[in-house]
N, C-alpha and C. Protein backbone atom coordinates (compact mmCIF):
# COMPACT_ATOMS: atom_id res chain seq x y z
N MET A 1 0.86 -1.15 0.00
CA MET A 1 0.00 0.00 0.00
C MET A 1 0.91 1.23 0.00
N SER A 2 0.56 2.15 -0.81
CA SER A 2 1.40 3.33 -0.95
C SER A 2 1.16 4.32 0.18
N TYR A 3 2.11 5.23 0.29
CA TYR A 3 2.01 6.25 1.31
C TYR A 3 0.74 7.08 1.15
N ILE A 4 0.37 7.38 -0.04
CA ILE A 4 -0.82 8.20 -0.32
C ILE A 4 -2.09 7.44 0.08
N ASP A 5 -2.15 6.13 -0.22
CA ASP A 5 -3.31 5.34 0.16
C ASP A 5 -3.48 5.29 1.68
N ARG A 6 -2.36 5.09 2.37
CA ARG A 6 -2.44 5.07 3.83
C ARG A 6 -2.87 6.42 4.39
N ALA A 7 -2.37 7.47 3.90
CA ALA A 7 -2.73 8.81 4.36
C ALA A 7 -4.21 9.07 4.09
N PHE A 8 -4.68 8.62 2.92
CA PHE A 8 -6.08 8.80 2.57
C PHE A 8 -6.97 8.03 3.55
N ARG A 9 -6.61 6.78 3.84
CA ARG A 9 -7.39 5.97 4.78
C ARG A 9 -7.38 6.58 6.18
N GLN A 10 -6.20 7.02 6.62
CA GLN A 10 -6.13 7.64 7.94
C GLN A 10 -6.98 8.91 8.00
N GLY A 11 -6.95 9.66 6.94
CA GLY A 11 -7.77 10.89 6.87
C GLY A 11 -9.26 10.54 6.91
N ALA A 12 -9.64 9.47 6.22
CA ALA A 12 -11.04 9.05 6.21
C ALA A 12 -11.47 8.60 7.61
N ILE A 13 -10.58 7.88 8.28
CA ILE A 13 -10.88 7.43 9.65
C ILE A 13 -11.03 8.64 10.57
N VAL A 14 -10.11 9.60 10.47
CA VAL A 14 -10.18 10.80 11.31
C VAL A 14 -11.49 11.55 11.03
N LEU A 15 -11.89 11.66 9.78
CA LEU A 15 -13.14 12.32 9.44
C LEU A 15 -14.35 11.57 9.99
N ALA A 16 -14.32 10.24 9.94
CA ALA A 16 -15.42 9.43 10.47
C ALA A 16 -15.55 9.62 11.98
N ILE A 17 -14.42 9.62 12.67
CA ILE A 17 -14.45 9.81 14.12
C ILE A 17 -14.95 11.22 14.46
N ALA A 18 -14.47 12.20 13.74
CA ALA A 18 -14.90 13.58 13.98
C ALA A 18 -16.39 13.73 13.72
N GLY A 19 -16.86 13.09 12.65
CA GLY A 19 -18.30 13.15 12.34
C GLY A 19 -19.13 12.50 13.43
N SER A 20 -18.67 11.38 13.94
CA SER A 20 -19.39 10.70 15.03
C SER A 20 -19.42 11.56 16.28
N ALA A 21 -18.30 12.18 16.60
CA ALA A 21 -18.24 13.05 17.78
C ALA A 21 -19.18 14.23 17.60
N PHE A 22 -19.20 14.80 16.41
CA PHE A 22 -20.10 15.92 16.13
C PHE A 22 -21.56 15.48 16.28
N ALA A 23 -21.89 14.31 15.78
CA ALA A 23 -23.26 13.79 15.89
C ALA A 23 -23.65 13.58 17.34
N LEU A 24 -22.74 13.03 18.13
CA LEU A 24 -23.02 12.82 19.55
C LEU A 24 -23.19 14.15 20.27
N THR A 25 -22.39 15.12 19.91
CA THR A 25 -22.51 16.44 20.52
C THR A 25 -23.85 17.07 20.16
N ALA A 26 -24.25 16.91 18.91
CA ALA A 26 -25.55 17.45 18.47
C ALA A 26 -26.69 16.78 19.24
N CYS A 27 -26.59 15.47 19.46
CA CYS A 27 -27.62 14.78 20.24
C CYS A 27 -27.67 15.32 21.65
N GLY A 28 -26.50 15.59 22.21
CA GLY A 28 -26.44 16.15 23.56
C GLY A 28 -27.10 17.52 23.60
N ASP A 29 -26.94 18.32 22.54
CA ASP A 29 -27.57 19.64 22.50
C ASP A 29 -29.08 19.52 22.48
N LYS A 30 -29.60 18.56 21.76
CA LYS A 30 -31.05 18.36 21.69
C LYS A 30 -31.59 17.97 23.05
N ALA A 31 -30.82 17.30 23.87
CA ALA A 31 -31.27 16.86 25.19
C ALA A 31 -31.14 17.98 26.22
N GLY A 32 -30.79 19.18 25.78
CA GLY A 32 -30.72 20.30 26.71
C GLY A 32 -29.40 20.36 27.46
N ASN A 33 -28.34 19.83 26.86
CA ASN A 33 -27.01 19.86 27.46
C ASN A 33 -27.00 19.28 28.88
N GLN A 34 -27.75 18.24 29.11
CA GLN A 34 -27.79 17.60 30.43
C GLN A 34 -26.56 16.71 30.61
N THR A 35 -26.08 16.68 31.82
CA THR A 35 -24.99 15.76 32.13
C THR A 35 -25.59 14.37 32.31
N ALA A 36 -24.75 13.38 32.37
CA ALA A 36 -25.24 12.01 32.57
C ALA A 36 -25.98 11.90 33.90
N GLY A 37 -25.48 12.55 34.93
CA GLY A 37 -26.14 12.53 36.23
C GLY A 37 -27.52 13.18 36.19
N GLN A 38 -27.62 14.28 35.44
CA GLN A 38 -28.91 14.96 35.30
C GLN A 38 -29.90 14.07 34.55
N LYS A 39 -29.40 13.38 33.54
CA LYS A 39 -30.27 12.47 32.78
C LYS A 39 -30.77 11.34 33.67
N VAL A 40 -29.90 10.81 34.53
CA VAL A 40 -30.29 9.75 35.46
C VAL A 40 -31.32 10.28 36.45
N ASP A 41 -31.06 11.49 36.99
CA ASP A 41 -32.00 12.10 37.92
C ASP A 41 -33.36 12.31 37.27
N SER A 42 -33.36 12.75 36.03
CA SER A 42 -34.61 12.96 35.30
C SER A 42 -35.35 11.63 35.09
N ALA A 43 -34.62 10.60 34.75
CA ALA A 43 -35.24 9.28 34.56
C ALA A 43 -35.81 8.75 35.87
N ILE A 44 -35.11 8.97 36.97
CA ILE A 44 -35.59 8.53 38.28
C ILE A 44 -36.87 9.29 38.64
N ALA A 45 -36.88 10.59 38.40
CA ALA A 45 -38.06 11.40 38.71
C ALA A 45 -39.26 10.94 37.88
N LYS A 46 -39.03 10.64 36.62
CA LYS A 46 -40.12 10.15 35.76
C LYS A 46 -40.62 8.79 36.25
N SER A 47 -39.72 7.94 36.67
CA SER A 47 -40.11 6.63 37.19
C SER A 47 -40.91 6.77 38.48
N GLU A 48 -40.46 7.67 39.36
CA GLU A 48 -41.18 7.89 40.61
C GLU A 48 -42.58 8.42 40.34
N GLN A 49 -42.71 9.35 39.37
CA GLN A 49 -44.02 9.90 39.02
C GLN A 49 -44.92 8.82 38.43
N ALA A 50 -44.35 7.98 37.59
CA ALA A 50 -45.14 6.88 37.02
C ALA A 50 -45.60 5.93 38.11
N GLY A 51 -44.75 5.67 39.09
CA GLY A 51 -45.13 4.83 40.22
C GLY A 51 -46.24 5.46 41.04
N ALA A 52 -46.14 6.77 41.28
CA ALA A 52 -47.18 7.47 42.04
C ALA A 52 -48.51 7.45 41.28
N ASP A 53 -48.44 7.64 39.96
CA ASP A 53 -49.66 7.60 39.15
C ASP A 53 -50.30 6.21 39.20
N ALA A 54 -49.47 5.17 39.10
CA ALA A 54 -49.98 3.80 39.15
C ALA A 54 -50.60 3.51 40.52
N LYS A 55 -49.99 4.01 41.58
CA LYS A 55 -50.52 3.81 42.93
C LYS A 55 -51.88 4.49 43.07
N ALA A 56 -51.99 5.71 42.57
CA ALA A 56 -53.26 6.44 42.65
C ALA A 56 -54.35 5.71 41.88
N LYS A 57 -54.03 5.19 40.72
CA LYS A 57 -55.02 4.45 39.93
C LYS A 57 -55.43 3.17 40.64
N THR A 58 -54.48 2.50 41.25
CA THR A 58 -54.78 1.27 41.99
C THR A 58 -55.68 1.56 43.18
N GLU A 59 -55.35 2.63 43.92
CA GLU A 59 -56.17 3.00 45.08
C GLU A 59 -57.58 3.38 44.66
N SER A 60 -57.70 4.08 43.54
CA SER A 60 -59.03 4.47 43.03
C SER A 60 -59.83 3.24 42.65
N ALA A 61 -59.18 2.30 41.98
CA ALA A 61 -59.87 1.07 41.59
C ALA A 61 -60.27 0.27 42.82
N ALA A 62 -59.40 0.22 43.81
CA ALA A 62 -59.71 -0.50 45.05
C ALA A 62 -60.90 0.14 45.76
N ALA A 63 -60.96 1.46 45.76
CA ALA A 63 -62.08 2.15 46.40
C ALA A 63 -63.38 1.83 45.68
N LYS A 64 -63.34 1.78 44.34
CA LYS A 64 -64.54 1.44 43.57
C LYS A 64 -64.99 0.01 43.85
N VAL A 65 -64.03 -0.90 43.93
CA VAL A 65 -64.37 -2.29 44.23
C VAL A 65 -64.93 -2.38 45.64
N GLY A 66 -64.31 -1.66 46.58
CA GLY A 66 -64.80 -1.65 47.96
C GLY A 66 -66.22 -1.12 48.05
N ALA A 67 -66.51 -0.05 47.30
CA ALA A 67 -67.86 0.52 47.30
C ALA A 67 -68.86 -0.47 46.71
N ALA A 68 -68.46 -1.18 45.65
CA ALA A 68 -69.35 -2.16 45.04
C ALA A 68 -69.62 -3.31 46.00
N VAL A 69 -68.59 -3.74 46.74
CA VAL A 69 -68.76 -4.81 47.72
C VAL A 69 -69.67 -4.34 48.85
N ASP A 70 -69.47 -3.10 49.32
CA ASP A 70 -70.32 -2.55 50.37
C ASP A 70 -71.77 -2.48 49.91
N ASP A 71 -71.99 -2.01 48.68
CA ASP A 71 -73.36 -1.93 48.13
C ASP A 71 -73.99 -3.32 48.06
N ALA A 72 -73.22 -4.31 47.64
CA ALA A 72 -73.75 -5.67 47.56
C ALA A 72 -74.09 -6.20 48.95
N ALA A 73 -73.26 -5.89 49.93
CA ALA A 73 -73.52 -6.33 51.31
C ALA A 73 -74.78 -5.64 51.85
N ILE A 74 -74.93 -4.36 51.54
CA ILE A 74 -76.14 -3.64 51.98
C ILE A 74 -77.37 -4.26 51.35
N THR A 75 -77.33 -4.52 50.05
CA THR A 75 -78.47 -5.12 49.35
C THR A 75 -78.83 -6.46 49.98
N ALA A 76 -77.82 -7.27 50.27
CA ALA A 76 -78.08 -8.58 50.88
C ALA A 76 -78.69 -8.43 52.27
N SER A 77 -78.20 -7.48 53.06
CA SER A 77 -78.74 -7.28 54.41
C SER A 77 -80.18 -6.78 54.37
N VAL A 78 -80.47 -5.86 53.46
CA VAL A 78 -81.84 -5.35 53.33
C VAL A 78 -82.77 -6.48 52.90
N SER A 79 -82.34 -7.24 51.91
CA SER A 79 -83.17 -8.36 51.43
C SER A 79 -83.43 -9.37 52.54
N THR A 80 -82.42 -9.65 53.35
CA THR A 80 -82.58 -10.58 54.47
C THR A 80 -83.58 -10.02 55.49
N GLY A 81 -83.46 -8.73 55.78
CA GLY A 81 -84.39 -8.10 56.71
C GLY A 81 -85.82 -8.13 56.21
N LEU A 82 -86.00 -7.89 54.92
CA LEU A 82 -87.35 -7.93 54.33
C LEU A 82 -87.92 -9.34 54.38
N ALA A 83 -87.05 -10.33 54.15
CA ALA A 83 -87.51 -11.73 54.15
C ALA A 83 -87.96 -12.16 55.55
N LYS A 84 -87.47 -11.52 56.60
CA LYS A 84 -87.86 -11.87 57.97
C LYS A 84 -89.22 -11.30 58.34
N ASP A 85 -89.69 -10.30 57.60
CA ASP A 85 -90.99 -9.68 57.91
C ASP A 85 -92.10 -10.53 57.31
N PRO A 86 -93.10 -10.96 58.11
CA PRO A 86 -94.14 -11.87 57.61
C PRO A 86 -94.99 -11.27 56.48
N ASP A 87 -95.22 -9.95 56.49
CA ASP A 87 -96.03 -9.34 55.43
C ASP A 87 -95.25 -9.12 54.14
N LEU A 88 -93.94 -9.02 54.25
CA LEU A 88 -93.10 -8.70 53.09
C LEU A 88 -92.39 -9.90 52.50
N SER A 89 -92.27 -10.97 53.26
CA SER A 89 -91.47 -12.11 52.81
C SER A 89 -92.04 -12.80 51.58
N ALA A 90 -93.35 -12.79 51.42
CA ALA A 90 -93.97 -13.49 50.29
C ALA A 90 -94.04 -12.62 49.04
N ILE A 91 -93.65 -11.37 49.14
CA ILE A 91 -93.76 -10.42 48.03
C ILE A 91 -92.39 -10.19 47.42
N LYS A 92 -92.36 -10.07 46.12
CA LYS A 92 -91.10 -9.82 45.40
C LYS A 92 -90.77 -8.33 45.45
N ILE A 93 -89.82 -7.97 46.28
CA ILE A 93 -89.36 -6.58 46.38
C ILE A 93 -87.94 -6.53 45.83
N ASP A 94 -87.75 -5.66 44.86
CA ASP A 94 -86.41 -5.48 44.28
C ASP A 94 -85.65 -4.47 45.14
N VAL A 95 -84.45 -4.85 45.51
CA VAL A 95 -83.58 -3.98 46.31
C VAL A 95 -82.35 -3.67 45.47
N ASP A 96 -82.10 -2.38 45.28
CA ASP A 96 -80.93 -1.95 44.52
C ASP A 96 -80.18 -0.93 45.37
N THR A 97 -78.86 -1.07 45.45
CA THR A 97 -78.04 -0.15 46.25
C THR A 97 -76.94 0.41 45.39
N LYS A 98 -76.80 1.73 45.45
CA LYS A 98 -75.71 2.39 44.73
C LYS A 98 -75.19 3.52 45.60
N GLY A 99 -73.94 3.41 45.99
CA GLY A 99 -73.33 4.44 46.83
C GLY A 99 -73.99 4.58 48.18
N GLY A 100 -74.52 3.49 48.71
CA GLY A 100 -75.17 3.51 50.01
C GLY A 100 -76.63 3.92 49.97
N VAL A 101 -77.12 4.29 48.79
CA VAL A 101 -78.53 4.67 48.64
C VAL A 101 -79.31 3.45 48.17
N VAL A 102 -80.31 3.05 48.97
CA VAL A 102 -81.11 1.86 48.68
C VAL A 102 -82.40 2.29 47.99
N THR A 103 -82.73 1.60 46.91
CA THR A 103 -83.99 1.83 46.21
C THR A 103 -84.82 0.56 46.31
N LEU A 104 -86.01 0.71 46.83
CA LEU A 104 -86.96 -0.41 46.93
C LEU A 104 -88.01 -0.23 45.85
N SER A 105 -88.29 -1.30 45.13
CA SER A 105 -89.35 -1.23 44.12
C SER A 105 -90.09 -2.55 44.06
N GLY A 106 -91.36 -2.46 43.67
CA GLY A 106 -92.21 -3.64 43.61
C GLY A 106 -93.49 -3.39 44.39
N PRO A 107 -94.25 -4.44 44.66
CA PRO A 107 -95.52 -4.28 45.36
C PRO A 107 -95.37 -4.35 46.89
N ALA A 108 -96.31 -3.72 47.58
CA ALA A 108 -96.42 -3.83 49.04
C ALA A 108 -97.88 -4.11 49.35
N PRO A 109 -98.16 -5.02 50.27
CA PRO A 109 -99.56 -5.38 50.54
C PRO A 109 -100.36 -4.25 51.21
N THR A 110 -99.69 -3.44 52.02
CA THR A 110 -100.37 -2.35 52.72
C THR A 110 -99.41 -1.17 52.85
N ALA A 111 -99.98 -0.01 53.21
CA ALA A 111 -99.15 1.17 53.44
C ALA A 111 -98.22 0.95 54.64
N ALA A 112 -98.72 0.24 55.66
CA ALA A 112 -97.89 -0.06 56.83
C ALA A 112 -96.71 -0.95 56.45
N ALA A 113 -96.94 -1.92 55.57
CA ALA A 113 -95.86 -2.81 55.13
C ALA A 113 -94.83 -2.03 54.31
N LYS A 114 -95.31 -1.11 53.48
CA LYS A 114 -94.41 -0.26 52.70
C LYS A 114 -93.51 0.55 53.64
N SER A 115 -94.13 1.14 54.66
CA SER A 115 -93.39 1.93 55.63
C SER A 115 -92.37 1.08 56.37
N ARG A 116 -92.77 -0.14 56.78
CA ARG A 116 -91.85 -1.06 57.48
C ARG A 116 -90.67 -1.43 56.59
N ALA A 117 -90.93 -1.63 55.31
CA ALA A 117 -89.84 -1.97 54.38
C ALA A 117 -88.81 -0.84 54.35
N GLY A 118 -89.29 0.40 54.31
CA GLY A 118 -88.37 1.54 54.34
C GLY A 118 -87.58 1.60 55.63
N GLU A 119 -88.22 1.31 56.76
CA GLU A 119 -87.54 1.32 58.06
C GLU A 119 -86.51 0.19 58.15
N ILE A 120 -86.86 -0.97 57.60
CA ILE A 120 -85.91 -2.09 57.59
C ILE A 120 -84.66 -1.70 56.81
N ALA A 121 -84.86 -1.08 55.64
CA ALA A 121 -83.73 -0.66 54.80
C ALA A 121 -82.88 0.39 55.52
N LYS A 122 -83.52 1.37 56.16
CA LYS A 122 -82.79 2.44 56.86
C LYS A 122 -81.97 1.90 58.02
N SER A 123 -82.42 0.80 58.62
CA SER A 123 -81.72 0.27 59.80
C SER A 123 -80.43 -0.48 59.46
N VAL A 124 -80.20 -0.75 58.19
CA VAL A 124 -79.00 -1.50 57.79
C VAL A 124 -77.78 -0.58 57.84
N ASN A 125 -76.70 -1.06 58.43
CA ASN A 125 -75.47 -0.30 58.53
C ASN A 125 -74.93 0.03 57.14
N GLY A 126 -74.57 1.30 56.93
CA GLY A 126 -74.00 1.73 55.65
C GLY A 126 -75.02 2.39 54.73
N VAL A 127 -76.30 2.33 55.07
CA VAL A 127 -77.33 2.95 54.23
C VAL A 127 -77.36 4.45 54.53
N SER A 128 -77.23 5.24 53.48
CA SER A 128 -77.26 6.69 53.65
C SER A 128 -78.64 7.28 53.34
N ALA A 129 -79.41 6.60 52.50
CA ALA A 129 -80.76 7.07 52.15
C ALA A 129 -81.54 5.92 51.57
N VAL A 130 -82.88 6.06 51.59
CA VAL A 130 -83.75 5.03 51.04
C VAL A 130 -84.76 5.70 50.12
N ASN A 131 -84.86 5.19 48.91
CA ASN A 131 -85.91 5.59 47.97
C ASN A 131 -86.95 4.48 47.99
N ASN A 132 -88.05 4.72 48.69
CA ASN A 132 -89.08 3.70 48.84
C ASN A 132 -90.10 3.86 47.72
N ASN A 133 -89.90 3.12 46.64
CA ASN A 133 -90.78 3.18 45.47
C ASN A 133 -91.79 2.02 45.46
N LEU A 134 -92.03 1.41 46.60
CA LEU A 134 -92.98 0.30 46.66
C LEU A 134 -94.39 0.84 46.38
N GLU A 135 -95.16 0.04 45.67
CA GLU A 135 -96.54 0.43 45.35
C GLU A 135 -97.50 -0.44 46.15
N VAL A 136 -98.39 0.22 46.86
CA VAL A 136 -99.37 -0.49 47.68
C VAL A 136 -100.44 -1.08 46.77
N LYS A 137 -100.70 -2.38 46.95
CA LYS A 137 -101.74 -3.05 46.16
C LYS A 137 -103.09 -2.55 46.61
N SER A 138 -103.99 -2.37 45.67
CA SER A 138 -105.34 -1.90 46.01
C SER A 138 -106.22 -3.05 46.43
């Protein structure tokens, strides 16, 4: 290999290295001239925020599940209480609970039985209100 060929190759290598260094420097400029430590700190902060967001979503989902379980327990307790009443046990009363609010719907044999159904529902732990939509049979 001649002296000129070697010089040409060495020059090409030097240009390739310089070009790579320039490209890396340009990438660093786009990143806001952050040091490696700053980049690590930024990545840690983003990870911590993502963890906090995931925790908040999990807690929110758990609260919704807890509320649904509480509503189901309230519905079951109200239905059990209604089944124990001799005037109401033979009648199909629909009990629906949402957010602690119980809605009663269906027939009631008398106005007194309708009133008792509302009182039974109100006496259940966790009930915040009762919508007594029972209709008294004529």
